[in-house]
Amino acid sequence: MKYRMKKAPMGWNSYDYYDTTVTEAEVKANADYMAAHMKDAGWEYIVVDIEWYAKDAGTMRDKYQYIPFGDEEIDEYGRLLPAVNRFPSAAGGKGFAPLAEYIHNLGLKFGIHIMRGIPRLAAHQHMPVLGTDVTANEIADPSSICGWNPDMYGVRKGVRGAQEYYDSIISLYAEWGVDFIKCDDICNTNVYPHNPYSAAHEVEMLQRAIQKSGRDIVLSLSPGPALIEKAWHYEKYANMWRITDDFWDNWDLLRNMFDRCELWQNHVAEGSYPDCDMLPLGELGKGFGNSGWHTNLTKEEQRTMLTLWCVFGSPLMIGAELTRLDEWTLDLLTRKDILKLVSCEYVGRQFEKNGDYAVWSCMNSTTGEKYVALFNFKDTEQEIKCGLNEVEQFAEAQGNASHAKELWNRQETGLCENVLTDIVPPHGARLFALS
């Protein structure tokens, strides 16, 4: 049985700031910051994103994000290893074990990004698959590739050695102490529009390998958009799956996320979390070939984003350089009274949505806690109302609410005839705890 976490994972991922270039020292600095300033609010995962095995990552960024057939660290069994020039503690075959130990000693958890499949380098050199008499070229499928990254071939379905290859890499990651795997080019293999979930068999092989390893490892699938008709498969074999392509600091993308959350709201459950993607807050983009930038989302839009992610129940992954967070953003990201809603015990449901606004309810049926979120899609402020008697999720709750506390500004408000009303700023959100 797959790992079943009671709350959606909360952590930091190196991609939005560092792209392919993050180093061990930079990972440690972000982990140190999280442990000192954010762990108490529930943040716990430190995830090294794409191409940690590439010695030359970022050296040709003016031409390539991913250097074609670049200089990769790899072992004799076709398993990618951390580039020692970027992760010096990996020297001597130690892999990510020393870095994982460092992060675990901070009371945090360690994760890595992988591309699905087997390295093309392993296939071209006919490297052996550990524990078999099969070589990499026999299990590699050269017709199954990623449209945007040149590192891997897909793994064939049902051939001898295929499962053993996935067993070998997951066993290695478990030995290192990996707690989280973000697998890319697998949730939607969008280079194949006629079969966008063409790697479903590789999802299954990954999950089988994780279970064989005996370690609790979160399996996260990227990129999106995930296919709603395949929801049952994601739920059976994965813990997270992206419901969008890469999400960045743009209002139109944030507005569109309301449509995606509407589609996926009934599929949030213990151990199964549709993923709205990373939170593009704070300082971003240094590794993308320039000096980076501060998020383009307004403060109100940032509150809207975090409110939606929480009431929906999405995983929360920060993409910023944590050591450069300002006081306002740190406060945004450490509000325990809001972040607790990512637990599967809190169920969110869209109550109303039109072109101008949306209303979500959220409830913990065990404790009886009730919440209402008001979202303004307009470029100007507007009054938004919610008749609490009409909220289906609250129908079986005993008694009417008499008070509402807005959690972002910590202000109490009364209710008139069980109707919640507030003036919501442009692109803004209000989140009320009812009592």
Protein backbone atom coordinates (compact mmCIF):
# COMPACT_ATOMS: atom_id res chain seq x y z
CA MET A 1 0.00 0.00 0.00
CA LYS A 2 1.28 3.47 -0.82
CA TYR A 3 2.34 5.95 1.84
CA ARG A 4 -0.71 7.75 3.25
CA MET A 5 0.07 11.14 4.76
CA LYS A 6 -2.69 12.90 6.68
CA LYS A 7 -1.70 16.29 5.36
CA ALA A 8 -0.48 17.56 2.03
CA PRO A 9 3.33 17.96 1.97
CA MET A 10 4.73 21.41 2.79
CA GLY A 11 8.25 22.30 1.79
CA TRP A 12 10.80 24.10 -0.37
CA ASN A 13 11.86 23.24 -3.91
CA SER A 14 14.96 24.67 -5.57
CA TYR A 15 13.53 25.13 -9.09
CA ASP A 16 11.85 28.55 -9.12
CA TYR A 17 15.00 30.33 -7.94
CA TYR A 18 17.90 28.12 -9.04
CA ASP A 19 16.55 26.28 -12.10
CA THR A 20 19.16 23.55 -12.77
CA THR A 21 22.04 25.16 -10.88
CA VAL A 22 21.48 24.63 -7.14
CA THR A 23 24.48 23.54 -5.07
CA GLU A 24 24.87 21.68 -1.79
CA ALA A 25 25.76 24.86 0.09
CA GLU A 26 22.63 26.59 -1.20
CA VAL A 27 20.41 23.64 -0.28
CA LYS A 28 21.86 23.63 3.23
CA ALA A 29 21.33 27.36 3.61
CA ASN A 30 17.65 27.03 2.73
CA ALA A 31 17.28 24.02 5.03
CA ASP A 32 18.90 25.94 7.88
CA TYR A 33 16.49 28.81 7.32
CA MET A 34 13.45 26.53 7.24
CA ALA A 35 14.50 24.76 10.43
CA ALA A 36 15.04 28.06 12.24
CA HIS A 37 12.04 30.05 11.01
CA MET A 38 9.39 27.80 9.42
CA LYS A 39 9.50 24.25 10.76
CA ASP A 40 7.23 25.12 13.68
CA ALA A 41 4.52 26.16 11.19
CA GLY A 42 4.56 22.75 9.48
CA TRP A 43 7.15 23.19 6.74
CA GLU A 44 9.35 20.10 6.50
CA TYR A 45 10.50 19.04 3.00
CA ILE A 46 13.69 20.25 1.28
CA VAL A 47 13.61 19.16 -2.38
CA VAL A 48 16.53 19.33 -4.83
CA ASP A 49 14.99 19.85 -8.25
CA ILE A 50 16.05 18.99 -11.77
CA GLU A 51 19.47 17.86 -13.05
CA TRP A 52 21.36 17.46 -9.77
CA TYR A 53 23.43 14.90 -11.69
CA ALA A 54 24.57 17.39 -14.36
CA LYS A 55 28.12 18.66 -13.81
CA ASP A 56 27.67 21.34 -16.47
CA ALA A 57 24.14 22.47 -15.55
CA GLY A 58 23.55 26.15 -16.25
CA THR A 59 26.82 26.71 -18.14
CA MET A 60 25.06 27.26 -21.48
CA ARG A 61 21.89 28.91 -20.19
CA ASP A 62 21.92 31.46 -23.03
CA LYS A 63 21.34 28.54 -25.43
CA TYR A 64 19.84 25.68 -23.44
CA GLN A 65 17.98 25.12 -20.24
CA TYR A 66 18.97 21.45 -20.45
CA ILE A 67 22.25 20.89 -22.29
CA PRO A 68 21.82 18.14 -24.91
CA PHE A 69 23.79 15.05 -23.90
CA GLY A 70 25.59 16.94 -21.17
CA ASP A 71 28.19 15.84 -18.64
CA GLU A 72 26.34 13.57 -16.19
CA GLU A 73 27.44 11.72 -13.06
CA ILE A 74 26.38 8.06 -13.38
CA ASP A 75 27.31 4.69 -11.83
CA GLU A 76 28.08 1.40 -13.55
CA TYR A 77 24.40 0.35 -13.36
CA GLY A 78 23.04 3.36 -15.21
CA ARG A 79 21.91 5.15 -12.08
CA LEU A 80 22.42 8.91 -11.97
CA LEU A 81 24.43 10.29 -9.05
CA PRO A 82 24.81 13.81 -7.62
CA ALA A 83 27.38 15.90 -9.49
CA VAL A 84 30.32 16.05 -7.11
CA ASN A 85 31.40 19.51 -8.28
CA ARG A 86 28.03 20.82 -7.03
CA PHE A 87 27.44 18.37 -4.15
CA PRO A 88 30.91 17.66 -2.75
CA SER A 89 29.69 15.44 0.09
CA ALA A 90 28.57 12.93 -2.57
CA ALA A 91 32.21 12.05 -3.34
CA GLY A 92 33.34 8.48 -2.87
CA GLY A 93 30.01 6.99 -3.89
CA LYS A 94 28.12 8.46 -0.92
CA GLY A 95 25.46 10.01 -3.14
CA PHE A 96 22.94 12.19 -1.35
CA ALA A 97 23.29 10.28 1.95
CA PRO A 98 25.39 12.97 3.70
CA LEU A 99 23.09 15.80 2.57
CA ALA A 100 20.00 13.84 3.58
CA GLU A 101 21.56 13.18 7.00
CA TYR A 102 22.28 16.89 7.41
CA ILE A 103 18.66 17.76 6.63
CA HIS A 104 17.27 14.99 8.83
CA ASN A 105 19.39 16.27 11.72
CA LEU A 106 17.56 19.58 11.37
CA GLY A 107 14.26 17.75 11.89
CA LEU A 108 13.34 18.08 8.23
CA LYS A 109 12.80 15.66 5.31
CA PHE A 110 14.77 15.34 2.10
CA GLY A 111 13.50 15.06 -1.47
CA ILE A 112 14.84 14.89 -5.02
CA HIS A 113 13.55 15.44 -8.54
CA ILE A 114 13.93 12.72 -11.16
CA MET A 115 13.00 12.37 -14.81
CA ARG A 116 11.04 9.24 -15.65
CA GLY A 117 12.84 6.47 -17.45
CA ILE A 118 16.47 5.46 -17.87
CA PRO A 119 19.40 7.71 -18.88
CA ARG A 120 20.08 7.75 -22.61
CA LEU A 121 23.75 7.51 -21.69
CA ALA A 122 23.09 4.16 -19.98
CA ALA A 123 21.23 2.84 -23.01
CA HIS A 124 23.83 4.01 -25.50
CA GLN A 125 26.63 2.37 -23.49
CA HIS A 126 24.63 -0.83 -22.82
CA MET A 127 25.11 -0.54 -19.06
CA PRO A 128 23.87 -3.50 -17.00
CA VAL A 129 20.69 -3.33 -14.92
CA LEU A 130 21.56 -4.18 -11.33
CA GLY A 131 20.74 -7.77 -10.33
CA THR A 132 19.94 -8.93 -13.87
CA ASP A 133 21.64 -10.08 -17.06
CA VAL A 134 19.74 -7.35 -18.94
CA THR A 135 21.34 -4.17 -20.27
CA ALA A 136 19.83 -0.70 -20.35
CA ASN A 137 19.32 -0.65 -24.12
CA GLU A 138 16.99 -3.67 -23.81
CA ILE A 139 14.55 -1.90 -21.49
CA ALA A 140 14.85 1.63 -22.94
CA ASP A 141 12.11 2.76 -25.30
CA PRO A 142 13.64 5.25 -27.77
CA SER A 143 10.17 6.14 -29.04
CA SER A 144 9.23 7.40 -25.56
CA ILE A 145 10.99 10.67 -24.85
CA CYS A 146 10.46 13.97 -23.09
CA GLY A 147 9.74 16.87 -25.40
CA TRP A 148 11.68 19.40 -23.33
CA ASN A 149 14.49 17.47 -21.61
CA PRO A 150 17.02 15.29 -23.49
CA ASP A 151 18.32 13.15 -20.62
CA MET A 152 16.14 10.02 -20.65
CA TYR A 153 14.36 7.34 -22.61
CA GLY A 154 11.14 5.88 -21.27
CA VAL A 155 11.19 2.34 -19.90
CA ARG A 156 9.35 -0.34 -21.84
CA LYS A 157 6.25 -1.94 -20.40
CA GLY A 158 6.34 -5.59 -19.36
CA VAL A 159 9.88 -6.44 -20.42
CA ARG A 160 12.37 -8.31 -18.25
CA GLY A 161 14.59 -5.92 -16.35
CA ALA A 162 12.22 -2.92 -16.47
CA GLN A 163 10.86 -3.27 -12.94
CA GLU A 164 14.31 -4.27 -11.72
CA TYR A 165 15.73 -1.01 -13.03
CA TYR A 166 13.17 1.03 -11.10
CA ASP A 167 13.76 -1.17 -8.05
CA SER A 168 17.47 -0.40 -8.31
CA ILE A 169 17.12 3.38 -8.36
CA ILE A 170 14.50 3.53 -5.61
CA SER A 171 16.57 1.19 -3.45
CA LEU A 172 19.50 3.56 -3.90
CA TYR A 173 17.39 6.58 -3.00
CA ALA A 174 16.07 4.80 0.08
CA GLU A 175 19.64 4.04 1.14
CA TRP A 176 20.45 7.73 0.78
CA GLY A 177 17.49 8.62 3.02
CA VAL A 178 15.20 10.18 0.43
CA ASP A 179 11.69 10.97 1.75
CA PHE A 180 10.16 12.59 -1.34
CA ILE A 181 10.45 11.94 -5.08
CA LYS A 182 9.17 14.38 -7.66
CA CYS A 183 9.05 12.48 -10.96
CA ASP A 184 8.80 14.59 -14.10
CA ASP A 185 7.51 13.94 -17.64
CA ILE A 186 5.08 11.38 -16.24
CA CYS A 187 1.83 12.98 -15.03
CA ASN A 188 1.13 14.23 -18.55
CA THR A 189 3.51 13.11 -21.28
CA ASN A 190 2.35 16.03 -23.37
CA VAL A 191 4.63 15.38 -26.34
CA TYR A 192 2.14 12.60 -27.20
CA PRO A 193 -1.26 14.35 -27.53
CA HIS A 194 -2.92 11.13 -28.70
CA ASN A 195 -1.83 9.39 -25.46
CA PRO A 196 -0.98 12.00 -22.81
CA TYR A 197 -0.75 9.40 -20.02
CA SER A 198 1.55 7.12 -21.97
CA ALA A 199 3.79 6.52 -18.96
CA ALA A 200 1.11 5.13 -16.63
CA HIS A 201 3.03 1.85 -16.45
CA GLU A 202 6.09 3.71 -15.19
CA VAL A 203 4.01 5.28 -12.40
CA GLU A 204 3.04 1.76 -11.36
CA MET A 205 6.64 0.54 -11.49
CA LEU A 206 7.76 3.47 -9.35
CA GLN A 207 5.14 2.78 -6.72
CA ARG A 208 5.96 -0.93 -6.64
CA ALA A 209 9.63 -0.08 -6.20
CA ILE A 210 8.85 2.33 -3.36
CA GLN A 211 6.86 -0.34 -1.55
CA LYS A 212 9.68 -2.86 -2.01
CA SER A 213 12.15 -0.38 -0.53
CA GLY A 214 10.35 -0.42 2.81
CA ARG A 215 10.72 3.35 3.21
CA ASP A 216 7.89 5.90 3.44
CA ILE A 217 8.49 7.99 0.32
CA VAL A 218 6.08 10.56 -1.11
CA LEU A 219 5.60 10.12 -4.88
CA SER A 220 4.84 13.38 -6.69
CA LEU A 221 4.01 13.42 -10.42
CA SER A 222 4.73 16.29 -12.84
CA PRO A 223 4.00 18.13 -15.04
CA GLY A 224 0.32 18.73 -15.54
CA PRO A 225 -2.34 19.17 -16.41
CA ALA A 226 -3.33 15.82 -14.93
CA LEU A 227 -6.14 14.01 -16.73
CA ILE A 228 -9.36 13.99 -14.74
CA GLU A 229 -10.44 10.73 -16.41
CA LYS A 230 -7.31 9.12 -14.93
CA ALA A 231 -7.96 10.38 -11.40
CA TRP A 232 -8.42 6.81 -10.14
CA HIS A 233 -4.95 5.87 -11.37
CA TYR A 234 -3.21 8.86 -9.80
CA GLU A 235 -5.05 8.17 -6.54
CA LYS A 236 -4.04 4.50 -6.53
CA TYR A 237 -0.35 4.91 -7.35
CA ALA A 238 0.76 8.45 -6.39
CA ASN A 239 0.56 10.88 -3.49
CA MET A 240 0.59 14.10 -5.50
CA TRP A 241 -0.10 14.93 -9.13
CA ARG A 242 0.08 18.26 -10.87
CA ILE A 243 -3.23 19.64 -12.08
CA THR A 244 -1.49 22.38 -14.06
CA ASP A 245 1.59 22.94 -16.17
CA ASP A 246 4.27 25.12 -14.55
CA PHE A 247 2.59 27.79 -12.42
CA TRP A 248 4.25 31.20 -12.23
CA ASP A 249 3.57 34.65 -10.74
CA ASN A 250 0.83 35.72 -13.12
CA TRP A 251 -2.76 36.68 -12.27
CA ASP A 252 -4.25 34.93 -15.31
CA LEU A 253 -2.65 31.63 -14.21
CA LEU A 254 -3.94 32.15 -10.68
CA ARG A 255 -7.46 32.91 -11.91
CA ASN A 256 -7.35 29.76 -14.03
CA MET A 257 -6.44 27.70 -10.97
CA PHE A 258 -9.96 28.22 -9.62
CA ASP A 259 -11.30 26.31 -12.62
CA ARG A 260 -8.79 23.50 -12.03
CA CYS A 261 -9.59 23.26 -8.33
CA GLU A 262 -13.29 23.10 -9.16
CA LEU A 263 -12.55 20.10 -11.39
CA TRP A 264 -10.39 18.25 -8.83
CA GLN A 265 -11.99 19.18 -5.49
CA ASN A 266 -13.58 15.76 -4.94
CA HIS A 267 -10.26 13.93 -5.30
CA VAL A 268 -8.43 15.27 -2.24
CA ALA A 269 -8.06 12.50 0.34
CA GLU A 270 -5.63 10.98 2.83
CA GLY A 271 -2.42 10.27 0.94
CA SER A 272 -3.82 11.70 -2.32
CA TYR A 273 -3.36 15.39 -3.07
CA PRO A 274 -4.02 17.09 -6.43
CA ASP A 275 -1.18 19.58 -6.73
CA CYS A 276 -1.62 23.24 -7.72
CA ASP A 277 2.18 23.53 -8.15
CA MET A 278 4.71 25.71 -6.41
CA LEU A 279 4.14 29.03 -4.68
CA PRO A 280 6.05 31.68 -6.69
CA LEU A 281 6.62 34.08 -3.81
CA GLY A 282 9.57 36.21 -2.74
CA GLU A 283 12.74 36.25 -4.86
CA LEU A 284 12.63 34.11 -8.00
CA GLY A 285 14.52 33.22 -11.16
CA LYS A 286 18.22 33.80 -10.45
CA GLY A 287 19.18 30.53 -12.19
CA PHE A 288 17.26 31.39 -15.36
CA GLY A 289 20.05 33.44 -16.88
CA ASN A 290 19.47 36.80 -15.21
CA SER A 291 19.63 38.40 -11.79
CA GLY A 292 16.17 37.18 -10.87
CA TRP A 293 13.09 39.12 -9.86
CA HIS A 294 10.67 39.69 -7.00
CA THR A 295 7.31 38.00 -7.44
CA ASN A 296 4.93 39.80 -9.79
CA LEU A 297 1.93 38.85 -7.68
CA THR A 298 0.49 41.64 -5.56
CA LYS A 299 0.18 41.06 -1.83
CA GLU A 300 -3.55 40.52 -2.24
CA GLU A 301 -2.92 37.98 -5.02
CA GLN A 302 -0.43 36.18 -2.82
CA ARG A 303 -3.05 35.88 -0.07
CA THR A 304 -5.54 34.66 -2.66
CA MET A 305 -3.11 31.99 -3.84
CA LEU A 306 -2.28 30.69 -0.38
CA THR A 307 -5.95 30.78 0.67
CA LEU A 308 -7.05 28.74 -2.36
CA TRP A 309 -4.22 26.21 -2.03
CA CYS A 310 -5.12 25.70 1.67
CA VAL A 311 -8.92 25.44 1.44
CA PHE A 312 -8.58 23.17 -1.60
CA GLY A 313 -5.99 21.02 0.18
CA SER A 314 -3.07 21.33 -2.27
CA PRO A 315 0.52 20.56 -1.32
CA LEU A 316 2.50 23.70 -0.54
CA MET A 317 5.96 24.03 -2.10
CA ILE A 318 7.82 27.33 -1.91
CA GLY A 319 9.99 28.24 -4.90
CA ALA A 320 11.71 31.31 -3.44
CA GLU A 321 15.19 31.66 -2.02
CA LEU A 322 14.24 31.32 1.64
CA THR A 323 17.23 33.23 3.00
CA ARG A 324 15.96 36.33 1.16
CA LEU A 325 12.36 36.27 2.42
CA ASP A 326 11.14 39.60 3.69
CA GLU A 327 9.19 39.90 6.94
CA TRP A 328 5.81 40.19 5.19
CA THR A 329 6.31 37.01 3.13
CA LEU A 330 7.62 35.05 6.10
CA ASP A 331 4.50 36.02 8.06
CA LEU A 332 2.32 34.95 5.10
CA LEU A 333 3.99 31.53 5.12
CA THR A 334 3.90 30.86 8.85
CA ARG A 335 0.25 31.38 9.73
CA LYS A 336 -0.54 28.13 11.53
CA ASP A 337 -4.24 28.91 11.77
CA ILE A 338 -4.42 28.91 7.96
CA LEU A 339 -1.79 26.32 7.04
CA LYS A 340 -3.51 23.65 9.11
CA LEU A 341 -6.24 23.46 6.45
CA VAL A 342 -3.96 21.38 4.19
CA SER A 343 -4.68 18.40 6.46
CA CYS A 344 -7.07 15.92 4.85
CA GLU A 345 -9.27 16.32 7.96
CA TYR A 346 -10.30 19.70 6.54
CA VAL A 347 -12.45 19.28 3.45
CA GLY A 348 -12.86 22.19 1.05
CA ARG A 349 -15.67 22.64 -1.45
CA GLN A 350 -16.48 25.33 -3.97
CA PHE A 351 -19.82 26.84 -3.04
CA GLU A 352 -20.19 29.42 -5.80
CA LYS A 353 -18.22 30.78 -8.77
CA ASN A 354 -18.96 33.21 -11.58
CA GLY A 355 -16.96 35.68 -13.62
CA ASP A 356 -16.58 38.11 -10.73
CA TYR A 357 -15.95 36.03 -7.61
CA ALA A 358 -15.81 32.62 -5.98
CA VAL A 359 -16.81 31.30 -2.57
CA TRP A 360 -15.37 28.19 -0.94
CA SER A 361 -16.37 26.44 2.25
CA CYS A 362 -14.11 24.23 4.35
CA MET A 363 -15.03 22.00 7.28
CA ASN A 364 -13.55 19.57 9.75
CA SER A 365 -16.37 17.14 10.46
CA THR A 366 -14.62 15.77 13.56
CA THR A 367 -14.05 19.06 15.34
CA GLY A 368 -16.94 20.93 13.72
CA GLU A 369 -14.67 23.78 12.58
CA LYS A 370 -16.13 25.74 9.68
CA TYR A 371 -14.52 28.22 7.31
CA VAL A 372 -15.63 30.37 4.39
CA ALA A 373 -13.29 31.94 1.82
CA LEU A 374 -14.36 34.84 -0.40
CA PHE A 375 -12.34 35.50 -3.59
CA ASN A 376 -12.59 38.63 -5.74
CA PHE A 377 -11.70 38.16 -9.43
CA LYS A 378 -12.33 41.80 -10.35
CA ASP A 379 -9.77 44.57 -10.78
CA THR A 380 -11.75 46.68 -8.33
CA GLU A 381 -12.97 45.97 -4.80
CA GLN A 382 -16.43 44.48 -4.41
CA GLU A 383 -18.87 43.32 -1.78
CA ILE A 384 -19.26 39.55 -1.65
CA LYS A 385 -21.94 37.77 0.34
CA CYS A 386 -22.42 34.16 1.43
CA GLY A 387 -25.66 32.87 2.91
CA LEU A 388 -24.38 30.29 5.39
CA ASN A 389 -27.72 28.47 5.49
CA GLU A 390 -27.26 27.70 1.80
CA VAL A 391 -23.81 26.09 2.15
CA GLU A 392 -24.40 22.39 1.60
CA GLN A 393 -21.27 21.40 3.50
CA PHE A 394 -22.66 23.02 6.67
CA ALA A 395 -26.14 21.51 6.37
CA GLU A 396 -25.67 18.81 9.00
CA ALA A 397 -23.73 21.01 11.43
CA GLN A 398 -25.64 21.86 14.59
CA GLY A 399 -26.63 25.49 15.18
CA ASN A 400 -25.94 28.64 13.23
CA ALA A 401 -22.70 30.58 13.41
CA SER A 402 -22.92 33.91 15.21
CA HIS A 403 -19.39 35.21 14.72
CA ALA A 404 -16.75 35.19 12.01
CA LYS A 405 -13.06 35.98 12.39
CA GLU A 406 -11.10 36.95 9.29
CA LEU A 407 -7.83 35.08 9.65
CA TRP A 408 -5.52 37.24 7.53
CA ASN A 409 -6.32 40.53 9.29
CA ARG A 410 -7.43 38.88 12.56
CA GLN A 411 -10.59 41.00 12.75
CA GLU A 412 -13.90 39.80 14.18
CA THR A 413 -17.12 40.47 12.31
CA GLY A 414 -20.77 39.86 13.05
CA LEU A 415 -23.28 38.01 10.91
CA CYS A 416 -26.63 39.43 9.85
CA GLU A 417 -29.33 36.75 9.53
CA ASN A 418 -26.59 34.15 9.03
CA VAL A 419 -25.20 35.98 6.01
CA LEU A 420 -21.48 36.67 5.79
CA THR A 421 -20.63 39.91 3.96
CA ASP A 422 -17.34 41.65 3.32
CA ILE A 423 -15.65 44.12 0.99
CA VAL A 424 -12.87 42.20 -0.76
CA PRO A 425 -10.02 44.09 -2.46
CA PRO A 426 -9.06 43.59 -6.13
CA HIS A 427 -7.82 40.02 -6.80
CA GLY A 428 -8.00 39.54 -3.05
CA ALA A 429 -9.30 36.95 -0.59
CA ARG A 430 -10.90 36.82 2.81
CA LEU A 431 -10.81 33.67 4.93
CA PHE A 432 -13.26 33.45 7.85
CA ALA A 433 -13.35 31.03 10.75
CA LEU A 434 -16.97 30.68 11.89
CA SER A 435 -18.14 30.16 15.44
